[in-house]
Protein backbone atom coordinates (compact mmCIF):
# COMPACT_ATOMS: atom_id res chain seq x y z
CA MET A 1 -31.02 -12.66 -11.19
CA SER A 2 -28.45 -14.92 -9.07
CA GLY A 3 -24.93 -14.07 -8.33
CA LEU A 4 -22.65 -10.62 -7.58
CA LEU A 5 -25.64 -8.51 -8.36
CA GLU A 6 -28.05 -9.96 -6.56
CA PHE A 7 -25.84 -9.72 -4.18
CA PHE A 8 -25.67 -6.15 -3.88
CA ILE A 9 -29.55 -5.97 -4.03
CA PHE A 10 -30.35 -8.51 -2.03
CA PRO A 11 -28.16 -9.57 0.31
CA HIS A 12 -30.44 -11.60 2.44
CA LYS A 13 -31.22 -13.85 -0.42
CA ALA A 14 -27.28 -13.94 -1.81
CA VAL A 15 -25.88 -15.00 1.24
CA TYR A 16 -28.42 -17.39 2.18
CA GLY A 17 -28.57 -19.26 -1.30
CA ILE A 18 -24.30 -18.93 -1.51
CA SER A 19 -23.92 -19.97 1.94
CA ARG A 20 -25.59 -23.29 0.84
CA LYS A 21 -23.54 -23.92 -2.57
CA ASN A 22 -20.73 -25.55 -2.82
CA THR A 23 -19.43 -23.17 -5.14
CA ALA A 24 -19.13 -20.35 -3.45
CA ALA A 25 -15.16 -20.52 -2.62
CA GLY A 26 -14.08 -21.36 -5.95
CA ALA A 27 -16.56 -17.77 -7.06
CA GLY A 28 -15.14 -15.73 -4.27
CA LEU A 29 -11.59 -16.63 -4.78
CA GLY A 30 -12.50 -15.27 -8.10
CA ILE A 31 -13.31 -12.33 -6.91
CA LEU A 32 -10.65 -11.97 -4.95
CA VAL A 33 -7.93 -12.20 -7.90
CA LEU A 34 -10.09 -9.41 -9.61
CA SER A 35 -10.53 -7.46 -6.95
CA ALA A 36 -6.09 -7.34 -5.96
CA VAL A 37 -5.66 -7.01 -9.60
CA SER A 38 -8.37 -3.60 -9.61
CA LEU A 39 -6.68 -2.38 -6.67
CA VAL A 40 -2.95 -2.70 -7.52
CA SER A 41 -3.83 -1.94 -11.58
CA GLY A 42 -5.97 1.28 -10.18
CA MET A 43 -3.22 2.81 -7.61
CA SER A 44 -1.01 1.96 -10.40
CA LEU A 45 -2.65 4.43 -12.82
CA ILE A 46 -2.49 7.32 -9.73
CA VAL A 47 1.01 7.30 -8.90
CA THR A 48 2.49 6.63 -12.29
CA ALA A 49 4.60 2.89 -10.79
CA ARG A 50 4.89 0.05 -12.84
CA ALA A 51 3.21 -3.16 -11.34
CA GLY A 52 4.32 -6.56 -11.66
CA LEU A 53 3.17 -9.93 -10.54
CA ALA A 54 4.72 -9.51 -7.37
CA SER A 55 2.54 -6.70 -6.90
CA TYR A 56 -0.43 -8.68 -7.62
CA SER A 57 0.41 -11.60 -5.94
CA SER A 58 1.67 -9.82 -2.63
CA ALA A 59 -1.81 -8.32 -2.84
CA ALA A 60 -3.66 -10.99 -3.15
CA MET A 61 -2.02 -12.74 -0.67
CA LEU A 62 -2.44 -10.04 1.84
CA MET A 63 -5.72 -9.71 0.84
CA ILE A 64 -6.49 -12.98 1.73
CA CYS A 65 -4.98 -13.53 4.99
CA ALA A 66 -6.40 -10.66 6.46
CA LEU A 67 -9.75 -11.47 5.29
CA PHE A 68 -8.63 -15.55 6.75
CA VAL A 69 -8.32 -13.92 10.30
CA LEU A 70 -11.21 -10.92 10.04
CA SER A 71 -12.94 -14.32 9.50
CA VAL A 72 -11.90 -16.38 11.94
CA ILE A 73 -12.35 -13.21 14.62
CA TYR A 74 -15.61 -13.06 13.43
CA HIS A 75 -17.05 -16.80 14.09
CA TYR A 76 -15.86 -15.89 16.91
CA PHE A 77 -17.33 -13.50 18.16
CA ALA A 78 -20.50 -14.48 16.61
CA GLY A 79 -20.57 -17.78 18.36
CA ILE A 80 -20.01 -15.87 21.86
CA MET A 81 -23.39 -13.87 20.76
CA GLY A 82 -25.30 -16.64 20.11
CA GLY A 83 -24.88 -17.39 16.30
CA VAL A 84 -24.37 -20.59 14.88
CA GLY A 85 -22.57 -21.45 11.83
CA SER A 86 -19.33 -22.92 10.28
CA GLY A 87 -16.12 -20.70 10.33
CA GLY A 88 -15.06 -22.50 6.74
CA ARG A 89 -18.32 -21.64 4.94
CA LEU A 90 -17.91 -17.97 6.52
CA PHE A 91 -14.60 -17.77 5.06
CA SER A 92 -16.49 -18.39 1.51
CA ILE A 93 -19.15 -16.06 1.67
CA MET A 94 -16.70 -13.13 2.54
CA LEU A 95 -14.82 -13.21 -0.22
CA TYR A 96 -17.63 -11.84 -2.04
CA SER A 97 -17.47 -8.93 0.14
CA LEU A 98 -14.18 -8.06 -1.60
CA ALA A 99 -16.50 -7.02 -4.83
CA PRO A 100 -16.17 -3.55 -4.72
CA PHE A 101 -12.40 -3.38 -4.58
CA CYS A 102 -13.45 -4.19 -7.90
CA PHE A 103 -14.31 -0.95 -8.63
CA ILE A 104 -11.25 0.71 -7.94
CA ALA A 105 -8.89 0.69 -11.31
CA PRO A 106 -12.42 1.47 -13.53
CA PHE A 107 -12.52 5.01 -11.44
CA SER A 108 -8.55 5.01 -10.48
CA LEU A 109 -8.80 5.94 -14.72
CA VAL A 110 -11.22 8.11 -14.93
CA PHE A 111 -9.72 10.08 -12.01
CA LYS A 112 -6.46 10.07 -13.91
CA VAL A 113 -7.63 11.55 -16.72
CA PHE A 114 -10.01 14.25 -15.25
CA LEU A 115 -7.87 15.25 -12.17
CA GLY A 116 -4.94 15.46 -13.27
CA LYS A 117 -2.74 15.76 -9.82
CA SER A 118 -5.52 15.57 -7.83
CA ALA A 119 -6.17 12.27 -8.65
CA LEU A 120 -4.34 10.65 -5.55
CA ILE A 121 -6.75 12.47 -2.96
CA ALA A 122 -10.16 11.14 -5.05
CA ALA A 123 -8.11 7.63 -5.07
CA GLY A 124 -7.38 8.10 -1.27
CA ILE A 125 -11.25 9.20 -0.15
CA LEU A 126 -12.08 6.39 -2.98
CA ILE A 127 -10.86 3.47 -1.23
CA LEU A 128 -12.16 4.84 1.95
CA LEU A 129 -15.37 4.69 0.96
CA VAL A 130 -15.18 1.44 -0.69
CA PHE A 131 -12.76 0.07 2.62
CA TYR A 132 -16.18 1.23 4.81
CA TYR A 133 -18.62 0.04 1.82
CA THR A 134 -16.67 -3.89 2.34
CA LEU A 135 -17.37 -3.67 6.63
CA SER A 136 -21.10 -3.11 6.08
CA ILE A 137 -21.52 -6.05 3.35
CA GLN A 138 -19.34 -7.97 5.81
CA HIS A 139 -21.77 -6.74 8.77
CA ARG A 140 -24.39 -8.06 6.73
CA ILE A 141 -23.57 -10.63 5.96
CA VAL A 142 -22.88 -11.93 9.43
CA SER A 143 -25.80 -10.80 10.66
CA TYR A 144 -28.01 -12.90 7.72
CA TYR A 145 -25.23 -15.92 7.93
CA TYR A 146 -25.45 -16.21 11.79
CA GLY A 147 -29.17 -15.05 12.25
CA LEU A 148 -27.94 -12.26 14.47
CA PRO A 149 -29.60 -9.23 15.21
CA ALA A 150 -28.11 -5.64 13.63
CA SER A 151 -26.68 -4.48 16.72
CA SER A 152 -25.53 -8.11 17.61
CA SER A 153 -23.38 -8.24 14.32
CA LEU A 154 -21.84 -4.53 14.46
CA ILE A 155 -20.47 -5.50 17.59
CA VAL A 156 -18.91 -8.50 16.41
CA ILE A 157 -17.67 -6.39 13.22
CA LEU A 158 -16.34 -3.81 15.54
CA MET A 159 -15.00 -6.23 17.67
CA PRO A 160 -11.80 -6.84 15.54
CA TRP A 161 -11.12 -3.32 15.17
CA LEU A 162 -11.35 -2.69 18.67
CA VAL A 163 -8.70 -4.46 19.66
CA ILE A 164 -6.63 -3.67 16.95
CA SER A 165 -6.80 -0.31 18.23
CA VAL A 166 -6.32 -1.61 21.67
CA MET A 167 -3.10 -2.68 20.97
CA ALA A 168 -1.61 -0.48 19.00
CA ALA A 169 -2.25 2.05 21.85
CA VAL A 170 -0.99 0.04 24.35
CA SER A 171 2.31 -0.54 21.93
CA ALA A 172 2.24 3.13 21.38
CA THR A 173 2.09 3.88 24.65
CA VAL A 174 5.31 0.69 25.88
CA ALA A 175 7.58 1.97 23.03
CA GLY A 176 6.90 5.83 24.02
CA LEU A 177 7.50 4.49 27.65
CA GLY A 178 11.07 2.71 26.84
CA ILE A 179 11.91 6.05 24.80
CA LEU A 180 11.58 8.24 27.60
CA SER A 181 13.46 5.77 30.07
CA ILE A 182 16.65 6.46 27.58
CA PHE A 183 17.08 9.77 28.65
CA ILE A 184 15.31 9.69 32.44
């Protein structure tokens, strides 16, 4: 058993095997393309919009940029927690974490056929579940690749989201104070 199926069933073995291969980035980029196509196609099915090539390439670029930034942050915090590994290799393995997004288009089609107007709500719930599952895969990747305990890798995974939340709260506060200063 190898490849993507092994990644979902035995992630620790798959991460070890993927991290040792030089072809991990190529397969990961294939998963990235399939995930972007599935995400855009699935959402186009639900909202009955036409998706052009720009939509697919924009989704792929957004996914790759977000994953790159997350990989850099994860690598930094994993190093602080005592993990040892390569940031570039982490990025190539993290591309595999986008695999659950490949299921959005088939499920969106099923939702559209059987749920009708409620398909948008079901698709939103599906995207949240896929996002959560992607985070859990990333948690396992960081834990197995860097050899960190589960608690330390959970801190590594949640740190970027905590930083983003704090930055959003500070930005909202500053913007609110700026608006209030106009009226005072």
